[in-house]
N, C-alpha and C. Protein backbone atom coordinates (compact mmCIF):
# COMPACT_ATOMS: atom_id res chain seq x y z
N MET A 1 0.84 -1.18 0.00
CA MET A 1 0.00 0.00 0.00
C MET A 1 0.88 1.24 0.00
N ALA A 2 0.52 2.20 -0.82
CA ALA A 2 1.27 3.44 -0.92
C ALA A 2 0.46 4.57 -0.30
N PHE A 3 1.15 5.47 0.41
CA PHE A 3 0.47 6.63 0.99
C PHE A 3 -0.03 7.53 -0.12
N ARG A 4 -1.19 8.12 0.09
CA ARG A 4 -1.74 9.02 -0.91
C ARG A 4 -2.40 10.20 -0.21
N THR A 5 -2.71 11.22 -1.01
CA THR A 5 -3.39 12.39 -0.50
C THR A 5 -4.74 12.51 -1.19
N GLY A 6 -5.47 13.52 -0.84
CA GLY A 6 -6.79 13.71 -1.43
C GLY A 6 -7.88 13.29 -0.48
N VAL A 7 -9.09 13.45 -0.92
CA VAL A 7 -10.26 13.10 -0.12
C VAL A 7 -11.04 12.03 -0.87
N TYR A 8 -11.38 10.98 -0.16
CA TYR A 8 -12.16 9.90 -0.74
C TYR A 8 -13.62 10.10 -0.37
N ILE A 9 -14.48 10.17 -1.37
CA ILE A 9 -15.92 10.33 -1.17
C ILE A 9 -16.62 9.29 -2.04
N VAL A 10 -17.52 8.51 -1.40
CA VAL A 10 -18.26 7.52 -2.17
C VAL A 10 -19.36 8.20 -2.97
N PRO A 11 -19.84 7.55 -4.02
CA PRO A 11 -20.91 8.15 -4.84
C PRO A 11 -22.18 8.39 -4.04
N THR A 12 -22.78 9.55 -4.28
CA THR A 12 -24.03 9.89 -3.61
C THR A 12 -25.10 10.29 -4.62
N ASP A 13 -24.93 9.83 -5.86
CA ASP A 13 -25.88 10.19 -6.91
C ASP A 13 -27.17 9.38 -6.85
N ARG A 14 -27.17 8.27 -6.10
CA ARG A 14 -28.37 7.44 -5.96
C ARG A 14 -28.25 6.61 -4.68
N TRP A 15 -29.36 6.01 -4.27
CA TRP A 15 -29.36 5.19 -3.06
C TRP A 15 -29.16 3.72 -3.45
N TYR A 16 -27.93 3.27 -3.48
CA TYR A 16 -27.60 1.87 -3.74
C TYR A 16 -27.59 1.11 -2.42
N ILE A 17 -27.52 -0.21 -2.50
CA ILE A 17 -27.66 -1.05 -1.31
C ILE A 17 -26.67 -0.67 -0.21
N GLU A 18 -25.40 -0.59 -0.53
CA GLU A 18 -24.39 -0.37 0.51
C GLU A 18 -24.58 0.98 1.21
N ARG A 19 -24.89 2.01 0.45
CA ARG A 19 -25.11 3.33 1.03
C ARG A 19 -26.32 3.31 1.95
N THR A 20 -27.38 2.63 1.55
CA THR A 20 -28.58 2.56 2.36
C THR A 20 -28.35 1.71 3.61
N VAL A 21 -27.53 0.67 3.50
CA VAL A 21 -27.18 -0.13 4.68
C VAL A 21 -26.45 0.73 5.70
N TRP A 22 -25.54 1.60 5.25
CA TRP A 22 -24.83 2.49 6.17
C TRP A 22 -25.82 3.41 6.88
N LEU A 23 -26.83 3.90 6.16
CA LEU A 23 -27.83 4.77 6.77
C LEU A 23 -28.65 4.01 7.82
N VAL A 24 -29.13 2.83 7.46
CA VAL A 24 -29.92 2.03 8.41
C VAL A 24 -29.09 1.68 9.64
N ALA A 25 -27.86 1.23 9.43
CA ALA A 25 -27.00 0.87 10.57
C ALA A 25 -26.72 2.08 11.45
N GLY A 26 -26.52 3.23 10.85
CA GLY A 26 -26.29 4.44 11.64
C GLY A 26 -27.47 4.78 12.53
N PHE A 27 -28.68 4.68 11.99
CA PHE A 27 -29.87 4.96 12.81
C PHE A 27 -30.06 3.90 13.89
N VAL A 28 -29.74 2.64 13.59
CA VAL A 28 -29.82 1.59 14.62
C VAL A 28 -28.83 1.90 15.74
N LEU A 29 -27.60 2.28 15.37
CA LEU A 29 -26.60 2.61 16.39
C LEU A 29 -27.03 3.80 17.24
N LEU A 30 -27.53 4.85 16.60
CA LEU A 30 -27.94 6.03 17.35
C LEU A 30 -29.11 5.74 18.29
N SER A 31 -30.12 5.04 17.79
CA SER A 31 -31.28 4.76 18.64
C SER A 31 -30.93 3.78 19.75
N SER A 32 -30.15 2.76 19.46
CA SER A 32 -29.75 1.78 20.48
C SER A 32 -28.88 2.42 21.55
N THR A 33 -27.97 3.29 21.12
CA THR A 33 -27.11 3.99 22.08
C THR A 33 -27.93 4.90 22.97
N ALA A 34 -28.88 5.64 22.38
CA ALA A 34 -29.73 6.51 23.18
C ALA A 34 -30.58 5.71 24.17
N LEU A 35 -31.14 4.59 23.72
CA LEU A 35 -31.93 3.74 24.62
C LEU A 35 -31.07 3.16 25.73
N ALA A 36 -29.83 2.77 25.41
CA ALA A 36 -28.92 2.23 26.43
C ALA A 36 -28.55 3.29 27.45
N ALA A 37 -28.39 4.53 27.00
CA ALA A 37 -28.02 5.61 27.92
C ALA A 37 -29.20 6.08 28.76
N LEU A 38 -30.40 6.10 28.18
CA LEU A 38 -31.54 6.72 28.85
C LEU A 38 -32.53 5.75 29.47
N VAL A 39 -32.61 4.51 28.95
CA VAL A 39 -33.65 3.59 29.43
C VAL A 39 -33.05 2.40 30.17
N ASN A 40 -32.27 1.59 29.46
CA ASN A 40 -31.70 0.38 30.05
C ASN A 40 -30.39 0.08 29.35
N PRO A 41 -29.31 -0.13 30.12
CA PRO A 41 -28.00 -0.38 29.50
C PRO A 41 -27.98 -1.60 28.56
N PHE A 42 -28.90 -2.52 28.74
CA PHE A 42 -28.88 -3.72 27.91
C PHE A 42 -29.39 -3.48 26.48
N PHE A 43 -29.90 -2.29 26.19
CA PHE A 43 -30.21 -1.95 24.81
C PHE A 43 -28.95 -1.92 23.95
N ILE A 44 -27.79 -1.86 24.60
CA ILE A 44 -26.53 -1.85 23.87
C ILE A 44 -26.32 -3.19 23.15
N LEU A 45 -27.09 -4.21 23.52
CA LEU A 45 -27.00 -5.49 22.82
C LEU A 45 -27.39 -5.35 21.35
N LEU A 46 -28.24 -4.37 21.03
CA LEU A 46 -28.58 -4.11 19.63
C LEU A 46 -27.37 -3.57 18.86
N VAL A 47 -26.54 -2.79 19.55
CA VAL A 47 -25.31 -2.30 18.92
C VAL A 47 -24.35 -3.47 18.70
N ILE A 48 -24.26 -4.36 19.68
CA ILE A 48 -23.39 -5.54 19.53
C ILE A 48 -23.88 -6.39 18.36
N ALA A 49 -25.19 -6.57 18.24
CA ALA A 49 -25.74 -7.34 17.11
C ALA A 49 -25.40 -6.67 15.79
N THR A 50 -25.46 -5.34 15.74
CA THR A 50 -25.10 -4.60 14.53
C THR A 50 -23.61 -4.78 14.23
N GLY A 51 -22.79 -4.73 15.26
CA GLY A 51 -21.35 -4.93 15.08
C GLY A 51 -21.02 -6.33 14.58
N LEU A 52 -21.66 -7.33 15.15
CA LEU A 52 -21.42 -8.70 14.69
C LEU A 52 -21.92 -8.90 13.27
N SER A 53 -23.04 -8.26 12.93
CA SER A 53 -23.54 -8.34 11.54
C SER A 53 -22.55 -7.70 10.58
N SER A 54 -21.95 -6.60 10.98
CA SER A 54 -20.97 -5.93 10.15
C SER A 54 -19.74 -6.81 9.92
N ILE A 55 -19.32 -7.53 10.96
CA ILE A 55 -18.18 -8.45 10.84
C ILE A 55 -18.54 -9.60 9.90
N VAL A 56 -19.77 -10.12 10.01
CA VAL A 56 -20.23 -11.19 9.13
C VAL A 56 -20.22 -10.73 7.68
N VAL A 57 -20.67 -9.50 7.42
CA VAL A 57 -20.66 -8.97 6.06
C VAL A 57 -19.23 -8.92 5.53
N ALA A 58 -18.31 -8.45 6.34
CA ALA A 58 -16.91 -8.35 5.91
C ALA A 58 -16.31 -9.71 5.62
N LEU A 59 -16.63 -10.71 6.42
CA LEU A 59 -16.00 -12.03 6.27
C LEU A 59 -16.69 -12.92 5.24
N THR A 60 -18.02 -12.85 5.15
CA THR A 60 -18.75 -13.76 4.26
C THR A 60 -19.38 -13.07 3.05
N GLY A 61 -19.62 -11.76 3.17
CA GLY A 61 -20.29 -11.02 2.12
C GLY A 61 -21.80 -10.97 2.29
N PHE A 62 -22.38 -11.81 3.14
CA PHE A 62 -23.83 -11.84 3.30
C PHE A 62 -24.30 -10.71 4.21
N CYS A 63 -25.35 -10.01 3.78
CA CYS A 63 -25.92 -8.91 4.56
C CYS A 63 -27.44 -9.04 4.59
N MET A 64 -28.01 -9.18 5.79
CA MET A 64 -29.46 -9.32 5.93
C MET A 64 -30.18 -8.07 5.44
N VAL A 65 -29.72 -6.91 5.87
CA VAL A 65 -30.37 -5.66 5.46
C VAL A 65 -30.21 -5.46 3.96
N GLY A 66 -29.02 -5.77 3.44
CA GLY A 66 -28.79 -5.67 2.00
C GLY A 66 -29.71 -6.58 1.21
N SER A 67 -29.97 -7.76 1.74
CA SER A 67 -30.88 -8.70 1.07
C SER A 67 -32.30 -8.15 1.04
N ALA A 68 -32.73 -7.55 2.15
CA ALA A 68 -34.07 -6.95 2.18
C ALA A 68 -34.15 -5.79 1.19
N LEU A 69 -33.11 -4.99 1.14
CA LEU A 69 -33.09 -3.86 0.21
C LEU A 69 -33.08 -4.33 -1.24
N LYS A 70 -32.36 -5.43 -1.50
CA LYS A 70 -32.32 -5.98 -2.86
C LYS A 70 -33.71 -6.42 -3.30
N ARG A 71 -34.45 -7.03 -2.39
CA ARG A 71 -35.82 -7.46 -2.70
C ARG A 71 -36.75 -6.27 -2.90
N LEU A 72 -36.38 -5.12 -2.31
CA LEU A 72 -37.17 -3.91 -2.49
C LEU A 72 -36.80 -3.14 -3.76
N GLY A 73 -35.81 -3.66 -4.49
CA GLY A 73 -35.45 -3.04 -5.77
C GLY A 73 -34.19 -2.21 -5.77
N PHE A 74 -33.50 -2.11 -4.64
CA PHE A 74 -32.24 -1.39 -4.62
C PHE A 74 -31.18 -2.19 -5.37
N THR A 75 -30.26 -1.51 -6.01
CA THR A 75 -29.19 -2.20 -6.73
C THR A 75 -27.87 -2.05 -5.98
N PRO A 76 -27.01 -3.05 -6.05
CA PRO A 76 -25.73 -2.99 -5.36
C PRO A 76 -24.65 -2.33 -6.22
N MET A 77 -23.63 -1.84 -5.55
CA MET A 77 -22.43 -1.39 -6.24
C MET A 77 -21.24 -2.27 -5.88
N LEU A 78 -21.34 -2.98 -4.76
CA LEU A 78 -20.27 -3.88 -4.33
C LEU A 78 -20.71 -5.33 -4.31
N GLY A 79 -21.87 -5.62 -4.88
CA GLY A 79 -22.42 -6.97 -4.85
C GLY A 79 -21.71 -7.90 -5.81
N ARG A 80 -21.85 -9.18 -5.52
CA ARG A 80 -21.28 -10.20 -6.40
C ARG A 80 -22.00 -10.21 -7.74
N ASP A 81 -21.28 -10.58 -8.80
CA ASP A 81 -21.86 -10.61 -10.14
C ASP A 81 -22.78 -11.81 -10.35
N GLU A 82 -22.43 -12.95 -9.76
CA GLU A 82 -23.23 -14.16 -9.99
C GLU A 82 -24.53 -14.12 -9.19
N PRO A 83 -25.60 -14.69 -9.74
CA PRO A 83 -26.88 -14.70 -9.02
C PRO A 83 -26.79 -15.55 -7.76
N SER A 84 -27.60 -15.21 -6.78
CA SER A 84 -27.60 -15.95 -5.52
C SER A 84 -28.96 -16.60 -5.32
N PRO A 85 -28.99 -17.66 -4.51
CA PRO A 85 -30.28 -18.30 -4.23
C PRO A 85 -31.21 -17.33 -3.50
N ARG A 86 -32.47 -17.36 -3.85
CA ARG A 86 -33.51 -16.54 -3.23
C ARG A 86 -33.25 -15.04 -3.36
N ASN A 87 -32.43 -14.64 -4.33
CA ASN A 87 -32.15 -13.23 -4.61
C ASN A 87 -31.55 -12.51 -3.40
N LEU A 88 -30.65 -13.19 -2.66
CA LEU A 88 -30.01 -12.59 -1.49
C LEU A 88 -28.84 -11.71 -1.93
N TYR A 89 -28.49 -10.77 -1.07
CA TYR A 89 -27.36 -9.88 -1.35
C TYR A 89 -26.08 -10.44 -0.73
N PHE A 90 -25.05 -10.53 -1.54
CA PHE A 90 -23.72 -10.89 -1.07
C PHE A 90 -22.73 -9.86 -1.62
N MET A 91 -21.96 -9.25 -0.72
CA MET A 91 -20.92 -8.32 -1.13
C MET A 91 -19.73 -9.12 -1.64
N ARG A 92 -18.99 -8.57 -2.58
CA ARG A 92 -17.81 -9.25 -3.10
C ARG A 92 -16.78 -9.43 -1.99
N THR A 93 -16.18 -10.61 -1.96
CA THR A 93 -15.16 -10.92 -0.95
C THR A 93 -13.88 -11.43 -1.60
N ASP A 94 -13.62 -11.00 -2.85
CA ASP A 94 -12.46 -11.48 -3.57
C ASP A 94 -11.16 -10.82 -3.13
N SER A 95 -11.23 -9.67 -2.45
CA SER A 95 -10.04 -9.01 -1.92
C SER A 95 -10.45 -8.13 -0.75
N TRP A 96 -9.46 -7.65 -0.01
CA TRP A 96 -9.73 -6.79 1.14
C TRP A 96 -9.67 -5.33 0.70
N TYR A 97 -10.66 -4.90 -0.07
CA TYR A 97 -10.74 -3.52 -0.53
C TYR A 97 -11.23 -2.63 0.62
N LEU A 98 -11.10 -1.33 0.42
CA LEU A 98 -11.36 -0.34 1.46
C LEU A 98 -12.73 -0.49 2.09
N GLU A 99 -13.78 -0.57 1.30
CA GLU A 99 -15.14 -0.62 1.85
C GLU A 99 -15.37 -1.88 2.68
N ARG A 100 -14.76 -2.98 2.30
CA ARG A 100 -14.89 -4.22 3.06
C ARG A 100 -14.17 -4.08 4.41
N ARG A 101 -13.03 -3.42 4.40
CA ARG A 101 -12.29 -3.19 5.66
C ARG A 101 -13.09 -2.31 6.61
N ILE A 102 -13.86 -1.36 6.05
CA ILE A 102 -14.69 -0.50 6.91
C ILE A 102 -15.69 -1.35 7.68
N TYR A 103 -16.36 -2.28 7.00
CA TYR A 103 -17.32 -3.16 7.68
C TYR A 103 -16.65 -3.91 8.83
N LEU A 104 -15.44 -4.43 8.59
CA LEU A 104 -14.73 -5.19 9.63
C LEU A 104 -14.34 -4.29 10.80
N PHE A 105 -13.69 -3.16 10.51
CA PHE A 105 -13.21 -2.27 11.58
C PHE A 105 -14.36 -1.70 12.39
N VAL A 106 -15.42 -1.27 11.72
CA VAL A 106 -16.57 -0.71 12.44
C VAL A 106 -17.20 -1.78 13.32
N GLY A 107 -17.36 -2.99 12.78
CA GLY A 107 -17.96 -4.07 13.56
C GLY A 107 -17.17 -4.39 14.82
N ILE A 108 -15.86 -4.50 14.68
CA ILE A 108 -15.01 -4.79 15.84
C ILE A 108 -15.06 -3.66 16.85
N ASN A 109 -14.92 -2.42 16.39
CA ASN A 109 -14.87 -1.27 17.29
C ASN A 109 -16.17 -1.05 18.05
N ILE A 110 -17.31 -1.13 17.37
CA ILE A 110 -18.56 -0.89 18.11
C ILE A 110 -18.91 -2.05 19.03
N SER A 111 -18.50 -3.26 18.66
CA SER A 111 -18.74 -4.40 19.55
C SER A 111 -17.91 -4.26 20.83
N LEU A 112 -16.63 -3.91 20.67
CA LEU A 112 -15.77 -3.72 21.84
C LEU A 112 -16.26 -2.57 22.72
N ALA A 113 -16.60 -1.45 22.10
CA ALA A 113 -17.08 -0.30 22.87
C ALA A 113 -18.38 -0.64 23.60
N SER A 114 -19.23 -1.43 22.97
CA SER A 114 -20.49 -1.82 23.61
C SER A 114 -20.25 -2.68 24.84
N VAL A 115 -19.36 -3.66 24.71
CA VAL A 115 -19.03 -4.51 25.85
C VAL A 115 -18.40 -3.66 26.96
N LEU A 116 -17.52 -2.75 26.59
CA LEU A 116 -16.88 -1.88 27.58
C LEU A 116 -17.90 -0.96 28.26
N SER A 117 -18.95 -0.58 27.54
CA SER A 117 -19.97 0.27 28.17
C SER A 117 -20.74 -0.49 29.24
N LEU A 118 -20.82 -1.81 29.09
CA LEU A 118 -21.51 -2.63 30.10
C LEU A 118 -20.61 -2.97 31.28
N VAL A 119 -19.35 -3.28 31.03
CA VAL A 119 -18.48 -3.79 32.09
C VAL A 119 -17.54 -2.74 32.67
N HIS A 120 -17.33 -1.64 31.97
CA HIS A 120 -16.37 -0.66 32.46
C HIS A 120 -17.01 0.68 32.79
N SER A 121 -17.51 1.37 31.75
CA SER A 121 -18.07 2.70 31.97
C SER A 121 -19.11 3.03 30.90
N PRO A 122 -20.23 3.63 31.29
CA PRO A 122 -21.22 4.02 30.30
C PRO A 122 -20.71 5.11 29.35
N TRP A 123 -19.59 5.72 29.66
CA TRP A 123 -19.02 6.73 28.78
C TRP A 123 -18.61 6.16 27.42
N TRP A 124 -18.46 4.84 27.34
CA TRP A 124 -18.15 4.20 26.05
C TRP A 124 -19.31 4.36 25.07
N LEU A 125 -20.49 4.68 25.58
CA LEU A 125 -21.63 4.93 24.70
C LEU A 125 -21.39 6.15 23.80
N THR A 126 -20.55 7.07 24.24
CA THR A 126 -20.24 8.22 23.38
C THR A 126 -19.56 7.77 22.10
N PHE A 127 -18.75 6.72 22.19
CA PHE A 127 -18.09 6.21 20.99
C PHE A 127 -19.10 5.58 20.03
N THR A 128 -20.01 4.74 20.55
CA THR A 128 -21.00 4.12 19.66
C THR A 128 -21.93 5.18 19.07
N GLY A 129 -22.23 6.21 19.84
CA GLY A 129 -23.02 7.32 19.31
C GLY A 129 -22.27 8.08 18.22
N PHE A 130 -20.98 8.27 18.42
CA PHE A 130 -20.16 8.93 17.41
C PHE A 130 -20.14 8.12 16.12
N VAL A 131 -19.95 6.80 16.24
CA VAL A 131 -19.92 5.94 15.05
C VAL A 131 -21.26 5.97 14.34
N GLY A 132 -22.36 5.94 15.09
CA GLY A 132 -23.69 6.03 14.47
C GLY A 132 -23.87 7.34 13.72
N THR A 133 -23.44 8.42 14.33
CA THR A 133 -23.51 9.73 13.66
C THR A 133 -22.65 9.75 12.41
N ALA A 134 -21.45 9.18 12.51
CA ALA A 134 -20.54 9.13 11.35
C ALA A 134 -21.13 8.29 10.22
N MET A 135 -21.83 7.21 10.55
CA MET A 135 -22.43 6.38 9.51
C MET A 135 -23.58 7.09 8.80
N VAL A 136 -24.40 7.82 9.55
CA VAL A 136 -25.47 8.59 8.93
C VAL A 136 -24.86 9.68 8.05
N TRP A 137 -23.82 10.33 8.55
CA TRP A 137 -23.12 11.36 7.78
C TRP A 137 -22.52 10.76 6.50
N PHE A 138 -21.90 9.59 6.62
CA PHE A 138 -21.30 8.89 5.49
C PHE A 138 -22.35 8.59 4.42
N ALA A 139 -23.50 8.08 4.85
CA ALA A 139 -24.57 7.77 3.90
C ALA A 139 -25.10 9.03 3.23
N GLY A 140 -25.17 10.11 3.96
CA GLY A 140 -25.73 11.34 3.41
C GLY A 140 -24.77 12.12 2.51
N THR A 141 -23.51 12.17 2.91
CA THR A 141 -22.55 13.02 2.19
C THR A 141 -21.54 12.25 1.36
N GLY A 142 -21.34 10.97 1.69
CA GLY A 142 -20.31 10.19 1.01
C GLY A 142 -18.95 10.30 1.66
N TYR A 143 -18.82 11.10 2.71
CA TYR A 143 -17.53 11.30 3.38
C TYR A 143 -17.50 10.53 4.69
N CYS A 144 -16.43 9.77 4.89
CA CYS A 144 -16.25 8.99 6.11
C CYS A 144 -14.82 9.17 6.61
N ILE A 145 -14.68 9.46 7.89
CA ILE A 145 -13.36 9.66 8.48
C ILE A 145 -12.52 8.40 8.35
N MET A 146 -13.09 7.26 8.72
CA MET A 146 -12.33 6.01 8.66
C MET A 146 -11.98 5.65 7.22
N ALA A 147 -12.92 5.85 6.28
CA ALA A 147 -12.63 5.55 4.88
C ALA A 147 -11.46 6.38 4.39
N ASN A 148 -11.42 7.64 4.79
CA ASN A 148 -10.32 8.50 4.35
C ASN A 148 -9.00 8.11 4.99
N MET A 149 -9.01 7.69 6.25
CA MET A 149 -7.77 7.22 6.88
C MET A 149 -7.25 5.98 6.14
N LEU A 150 -8.14 5.04 5.85
CA LEU A 150 -7.73 3.86 5.10
C LEU A 150 -7.25 4.22 3.70
N TYR A 151 -7.93 5.17 3.07
CA TYR A 151 -7.55 5.63 1.73
C TYR A 151 -6.16 6.27 1.76
N TRP A 152 -5.89 7.11 2.77
CA TRP A 152 -4.60 7.79 2.86
C TRP A 152 -3.45 6.83 3.07
N ILE A 153 -3.71 5.71 3.80
CA ILE A 153 -2.61 4.76 4.00
C ILE A 153 -2.52 3.74 2.87
N GLY A 154 -3.37 3.88 1.86
CA GLY A 154 -3.20 3.09 0.64
C GLY A 154 -4.22 2.02 0.35
N ALA A 155 -5.26 1.86 1.15
CA ALA A 155 -6.29 0.86 0.85
C ALA A 155 -7.00 1.25 -0.44
N GLU A 156 -7.19 0.27 -1.31
CA GLU A 156 -7.83 0.53 -2.61
C GLU A 156 -9.35 0.46 -2.49
N PRO A 157 -10.04 1.54 -2.85
CA PRO A 157 -11.50 1.51 -2.83
C PRO A 157 -12.08 0.82 -4.05
N ARG A 158 -13.22 0.19 -3.87
CA ARG A 158 -13.94 -0.42 -4.99
C ARG A 158 -14.90 0.56 -5.63
N LEU A 159 -15.38 1.52 -4.86
CA LEU A 159 -16.35 2.46 -5.40
C LEU A 159 -15.70 3.57 -6.21
N ALA A 160 -14.37 3.67 -6.19
CA ALA A 160 -13.64 4.64 -7.00
C ALA A 160 -12.29 4.02 -7.36
N PRO A 161 -12.28 2.95 -8.17
CA PRO A 161 -11.04 2.22 -8.41
C PRO A 161 -10.05 2.89 -9.35
N GLU A 162 -10.45 3.94 -10.06
CA GLU A 162 -9.53 4.57 -11.01
C GLU A 162 -8.41 5.27 -10.25
N LYS A 163 -7.20 5.18 -10.76
CA LYS A 163 -6.05 5.85 -10.15
C LYS A 163 -6.27 7.35 -10.13
N GLY A 164 -6.08 7.94 -8.98
CA GLY A 164 -6.21 9.38 -8.86
C GLY A 164 -7.63 9.88 -8.69
N ALA A 165 -8.61 9.00 -8.84
CA ALA A 165 -10.00 9.43 -8.70
C ALA A 165 -10.38 9.45 -7.23
N THR A 166 -11.20 10.39 -6.84
CA THR A 166 -11.67 10.44 -5.46
C THR A 166 -13.16 10.17 -5.36
N CYS A 167 -13.83 10.01 -6.47
CA CYS A 167 -15.25 9.71 -6.43
C CYS A 167 -15.65 9.04 -7.73
N ALA A 168 -16.35 7.94 -7.63
CA ALA A 168 -16.82 7.25 -8.82
C ALA A 168 -18.26 7.65 -9.11
N VAL A 169 -18.64 7.61 -10.35
CA VAL A 169 -20.01 7.92 -10.73
C VAL A 169 -20.87 6.67 -10.65
N GLY A 170 -20.29 5.51 -10.82
CA GLY A 170 -21.04 4.26 -10.75
C GLY A 170 -20.08 3.10 -10.67
N SER A 171 -20.62 1.92 -10.52
CA SER A 171 -19.78 0.74 -10.44
C SER A 171 -19.23 0.40 -11.82
N ALA A 172 -18.26 -0.49 -11.84
CA ALA A 172 -17.66 -0.91 -13.10
C ALA A 172 -18.71 -1.56 -13.99
N ARG A 173 -19.62 -2.33 -13.38
CA ARG A 173 -20.67 -2.98 -14.17
C ARG A 173 -21.60 -1.94 -14.79
N THR A 174 -21.91 -0.88 -14.04
CA THR A 174 -22.78 0.16 -14.57
C THR A 174 -22.11 0.87 -15.74
N ARG A 175 -20.81 1.20 -15.59
CA ARG A 175 -20.10 1.89 -16.64
C ARG A 175 -19.97 0.99 -17.88
N GLN A 176 -19.79 -0.33 -17.69
CA GLN A 176 -19.69 -1.24 -18.85
C GLN A 176 -21.04 -1.33 -19.55
N ALA A 177 -22.12 -1.33 -18.79
CA ALA A 177 -23.46 -1.43 -19.39
C ALA A 177 -23.78 -0.18 -20.20
N GLU A 178 -23.28 0.97 -19.75
CA GLU A 178 -23.54 2.22 -20.46
C GLU A 178 -22.74 2.32 -21.74
N ALA A 179 -21.58 1.62 -21.80
CA ALA A 179 -20.70 1.72 -22.98
C ALA A 179 -21.23 0.95 -24.16
């Protein structure tokens, strides 16, 4: 990996599966964190479930929310090319590209922070709330702090694979279909 400069922003021209998953996950994190802080600390188990789901997506490619969105007509930008049984969504797992690493890192971090909020200090909820806010921001604007850190240290994005590009207009399959 080579260090690079610039700002990495994912496409925000339409609501594709991955972008919508980030939005849904962000709202789940924010609401679960608020419920854990204000009602009962065990609501943080919803954040842990979200974190474990994120890890599963990174390792296997399968996403429950993505599958529901696919059935609702959303199209993927990071989905596998081959058809899946029952029209389920599977993210590509052929390499450790930037967006896949985000799923893994976010899943590990929010799961650890959630456990720490139960066994150490409720102040760890500020971290899960921050991550939820960042995910909603990421879905809305295309800008993510973690994505940019990974981009700067050389992780290759799938949503903008061209050298020197900081934002893609569509996936490779979309661009090939248009040609």
